[in-house]
Amino acid sequence: MFEKPNALHRPLRNAARFSLPWAALFLIQGAFAAQTAASAGQTVVSSFPEAEARQALVPDGTWVSTNPKTFTGKALMKSAFRQVEPAKSYGAYVYFTPGARTFWHVHPLGQTLLIVDGIGLTQSRNADGTLGPVVAVKAGDVVTCPPGIMHWHGASPDAPMTHLAISENDPKVAVKWLDAVDAKSYREGAEKALQKR
């Protein structure tokens, strides 16, 4: 049962009457600050896209073509975020048309790929120098590319793929881009990887 308010409760009610308008003011100011930060290009709140939000990731005029010196086939990218200093992380969405893929490359501080849509492929060179298998990935998969490990990633031959690539910027060592993944290795690796799915 509830107690009937008495004289001891009045100071609490008065304090609540006074603090509620201030709390509302802080909430409004916080929302305005978040809106201002967002319009200034800063990421305020971000999350892995839900299935219905993936539709917004269809490339439009805000996406740019990737560098043909580091990608095979047609791929488009859009910056997702760049953390403020001293943090060094950044992320970009990359949309690969069927058969498109990166060249072999190495991130000095590693890379994480969140597969957002489609079916993709990835491969890495093992720490002992041997070539690992081509692996098929799909929406919802997370690919971790450790620091200093040579790898590539892209779409499957018959389906596009979109991922959010997250990396850290090392001001002393840039991403090292290597050779293209040759067509024969890509086709043979894709065939084996996609049979396993």
Protein backbone atom coordinates (compact mmCIF):
# COMPACT_ATOMS: atom_id res chain seq x y z
CA MET A 1 0.00 0.00 0.00
CA PHE A 2 1.04 3.59 -0.59
CA GLU A 3 1.55 5.98 2.27
CA LYS A 4 -0.36 9.23 2.36
CA PRO A 5 2.08 12.12 1.75
CA ASN A 6 2.99 13.98 4.89
CA ALA A 7 5.05 17.02 5.75
CA LEU A 8 8.31 15.09 5.27
CA HIS A 9 7.49 14.51 1.59
CA ARG A 10 6.89 18.20 0.75
CA PRO A 11 10.60 19.14 0.43
CA LEU A 12 11.08 16.23 -1.99
CA ARG A 13 8.08 17.30 -4.09
CA ASN A 14 9.33 20.89 -4.12
CA ALA A 15 12.82 19.74 -5.12
CA ALA A 16 11.31 17.64 -7.91
CA ARG A 17 9.28 20.63 -9.15
CA PHE A 18 12.45 22.72 -9.26
CA SER A 19 14.75 20.10 -10.82
CA LEU A 20 12.41 18.77 -13.53
CA PRO A 21 12.55 21.96 -15.63
CA TRP A 22 16.35 21.99 -15.31
CA ALA A 23 16.56 18.33 -16.30
CA ALA A 24 14.37 19.04 -19.33
CA LEU A 25 16.60 21.97 -20.25
CA PHE A 26 19.71 19.76 -20.08
CA LEU A 27 18.01 17.11 -22.23
CA ILE A 28 17.04 19.73 -24.80
CA GLN A 29 20.56 21.18 -24.76
CA GLY A 30 22.02 17.67 -25.12
CA ALA A 31 19.76 16.90 -28.07
CA PHE A 32 20.65 20.25 -29.68
CA ALA A 33 24.38 19.59 -29.13
CA ALA A 34 24.06 16.11 -30.68
CA GLN A 35 22.16 17.53 -33.64
CA THR A 36 24.77 20.28 -34.07
CA ALA A 37 27.64 17.77 -33.85
CA ALA A 38 25.94 15.49 -36.35
CA SER A 39 25.42 18.33 -38.81
CA ALA A 40 29.10 19.19 -38.42
CA GLY A 41 30.01 15.71 -39.72
CA GLN A 42 30.79 14.08 -36.40
CA THR A 43 29.39 10.66 -35.54
CA VAL A 44 27.37 11.04 -32.35
CA VAL A 45 25.73 7.63 -32.12
CA SER A 46 26.28 4.76 -34.50
CA SER A 47 25.23 1.15 -34.60
CA PHE A 48 25.48 -1.84 -36.87
CA PRO A 49 22.64 -1.40 -39.39
CA GLU A 50 19.48 -3.42 -38.85
CA ALA A 51 18.06 -5.34 -41.79
CA GLU A 52 15.61 -2.57 -42.73
CA ALA A 53 18.34 0.09 -42.49
CA ARG A 54 20.48 -1.74 -45.04
CA GLN A 55 18.35 -0.24 -47.80
CA ALA A 56 19.97 3.12 -46.99
CA LEU A 57 23.36 1.60 -47.85
CA VAL A 58 22.55 1.27 -51.54
CA PRO A 59 25.22 3.41 -53.20
CA ASP A 60 24.04 6.83 -54.35
CA GLY A 61 25.74 10.07 -55.39
CA THR A 62 27.52 10.38 -52.04
CA TRP A 63 29.61 7.24 -52.67
CA VAL A 64 32.90 7.51 -54.58
CA SER A 65 34.73 5.04 -56.81
CA THR A 66 37.63 3.16 -55.27
CA ASN A 67 41.15 3.44 -56.64
CA PRO A 68 41.68 1.13 -59.66
CA LYS A 69 45.33 0.80 -58.55
CA THR A 70 44.17 -1.07 -55.42
CA PHE A 71 40.85 -2.69 -56.49
CA THR A 72 39.85 -5.09 -59.28
CA GLY A 73 36.38 -4.48 -60.72
CA LYS A 74 33.89 -1.82 -59.70
CA ALA A 75 33.68 -0.89 -56.03
CA LEU A 76 32.31 2.22 -54.32
CA MET A 77 33.01 3.58 -50.86
CA LYS A 78 31.58 6.05 -48.38
CA SER A 79 33.23 7.28 -45.20
CA ALA A 80 31.33 6.17 -42.11
CA PHE A 81 33.38 7.90 -39.39
CA ARG A 82 36.79 9.17 -38.37
CA GLN A 83 37.47 9.31 -34.65
CA VAL A 84 38.88 12.53 -33.19
CA GLU A 85 42.48 12.62 -31.96
CA PRO A 86 44.14 11.14 -30.03
CA ALA A 87 42.03 8.16 -31.19
CA LYS A 88 43.11 6.77 -34.55
CA SER A 89 40.17 4.66 -35.74
CA TYR A 90 38.18 5.27 -38.91
CA GLY A 91 35.63 3.36 -40.91
CA ALA A 92 34.17 3.24 -44.40
CA TYR A 93 31.43 1.32 -46.13
CA VAL A 94 32.61 -0.42 -49.28
CA TYR A 95 30.20 -1.79 -51.89
CA PHE A 96 31.68 -4.41 -54.23
CA THR A 97 29.89 -5.36 -57.45
CA PRO A 98 30.00 -9.10 -58.28
CA GLY A 99 33.62 -10.16 -58.83
CA ALA A 100 35.11 -6.91 -57.47
CA ARG A 101 37.83 -7.23 -54.84
CA THR A 102 40.75 -5.48 -53.21
CA PHE A 103 44.36 -6.14 -54.13
CA TRP A 104 46.44 -7.97 -51.55
CA HIS A 105 47.24 -5.50 -48.77
CA VAL A 106 48.50 -5.17 -45.19
CA HIS A 107 47.15 -2.90 -42.45
CA PRO A 108 49.90 -2.13 -39.91
CA LEU A 109 47.34 -1.99 -37.07
CA GLY A 110 44.88 -4.54 -38.45
CA GLN A 111 41.38 -4.23 -39.88
CA THR A 112 37.90 -5.43 -38.92
CA LEU A 113 35.20 -6.01 -41.53
CA LEU A 114 31.51 -6.09 -40.59
CA ILE A 115 29.68 -7.72 -43.49
CA VAL A 116 26.50 -5.70 -43.95
CA ASP A 117 24.94 -7.21 -47.05
CA GLY A 118 25.54 -9.80 -49.75
CA ILE A 119 28.04 -12.62 -50.10
CA GLY A 120 31.76 -11.99 -50.11
CA LEU A 121 35.13 -13.70 -50.06
CA THR A 122 38.31 -13.12 -48.11
CA GLN A 123 41.72 -14.75 -47.90
CA SER A 124 44.86 -14.16 -45.89
CA ARG A 125 48.43 -15.32 -45.82
CA ASN A 126 49.18 -17.25 -42.64
CA ALA A 127 51.80 -16.00 -40.19
CA ASP A 128 54.16 -18.76 -41.43
CA GLY A 129 53.89 -17.40 -45.00
CA THR A 130 51.60 -20.10 -46.40
CA LEU A 131 48.41 -19.12 -48.18
CA GLY A 132 45.19 -19.68 -46.24
CA PRO A 133 41.97 -20.83 -47.91
CA VAL A 134 39.49 -18.46 -49.55
CA VAL A 135 36.60 -18.09 -47.09
CA ALA A 136 33.00 -17.13 -47.97
CA VAL A 137 31.32 -14.50 -45.77
CA LYS A 138 27.74 -13.23 -45.57
CA ALA A 139 25.75 -10.43 -43.92
CA GLY A 140 26.29 -10.49 -40.16
CA ASP A 141 29.76 -12.06 -40.31
CA VAL A 142 32.72 -10.26 -38.73
CA VAL A 143 36.18 -10.69 -40.28
CA THR A 144 39.25 -9.84 -38.18
CA CYS A 145 42.44 -9.13 -40.14
CA PRO A 146 45.31 -9.02 -37.60
CA PRO A 147 48.02 -6.36 -37.78
CA GLY A 148 50.65 -7.04 -40.41
CA ILE A 149 48.81 -9.94 -42.10
CA MET A 150 48.51 -9.83 -45.89
CA HIS A 151 44.90 -10.30 -47.05
CA TRP A 152 42.24 -9.37 -49.61
CA HIS A 153 38.44 -9.20 -49.56
CA GLY A 154 35.61 -8.58 -51.98
CA ALA A 155 32.37 -9.82 -53.50
CA SER A 156 31.62 -13.31 -54.73
CA PRO A 157 31.55 -13.82 -58.52
CA ASP A 158 27.73 -13.76 -58.70
CA ALA A 159 26.62 -11.47 -55.86
CA PRO A 160 27.53 -8.00 -54.59
CA MET A 161 28.79 -7.48 -51.04
CA THR A 162 28.90 -4.46 -48.72
CA HIS A 163 31.04 -4.24 -45.61
CA LEU A 164 31.95 -1.66 -43.01
CA ALA A 165 35.75 -1.65 -42.81
CA ILE A 166 37.19 -0.39 -39.52
CA SER A 167 40.90 0.36 -39.16
CA GLU A 168 43.32 2.48 -37.18
CA ASN A 169 45.58 5.06 -38.76
CA ASP A 170 49.28 4.70 -38.03
CA PRO A 171 50.87 8.05 -38.92
CA LYS A 172 54.26 6.37 -39.35
CA VAL A 173 53.23 3.39 -41.49
CA ALA A 174 50.66 3.50 -44.30
CA VAL A 175 48.53 0.60 -45.55
CA LYS A 176 50.80 -1.42 -47.85
CA TRP A 177 49.11 -2.25 -51.16
CA LEU A 178 50.52 -5.21 -53.09
CA ASP A 179 49.58 -7.15 -56.25
CA ALA A 180 46.12 -7.82 -57.62
CA VAL A 181 44.48 -11.15 -56.83
CA ASP A 182 44.79 -13.00 -60.14
CA ALA A 183 41.58 -14.07 -61.87
CA LYS A 184 42.37 -17.81 -61.83
CA SER A 185 43.14 -17.92 -58.09
CA TYR A 186 40.02 -15.85 -57.38
CA ARG A 187 37.72 -18.12 -59.46
CA GLU A 188 39.14 -21.38 -58.08
CA GLY A 189 39.11 -20.09 -54.48
CA ALA A 190 35.55 -18.78 -54.86
CA GLU A 191 34.32 -22.08 -56.25
CA LYS A 192 35.73 -24.05 -53.30
CA ALA A 193 34.61 -21.53 -50.66
CA LEU A 194 31.07 -21.21 -51.98
CA GLN A 195 30.62 -25.01 -52.16
CA LYS A 196 31.29 -25.15 -48.40
CA ARG A 197 28.49 -22.68 -47.57
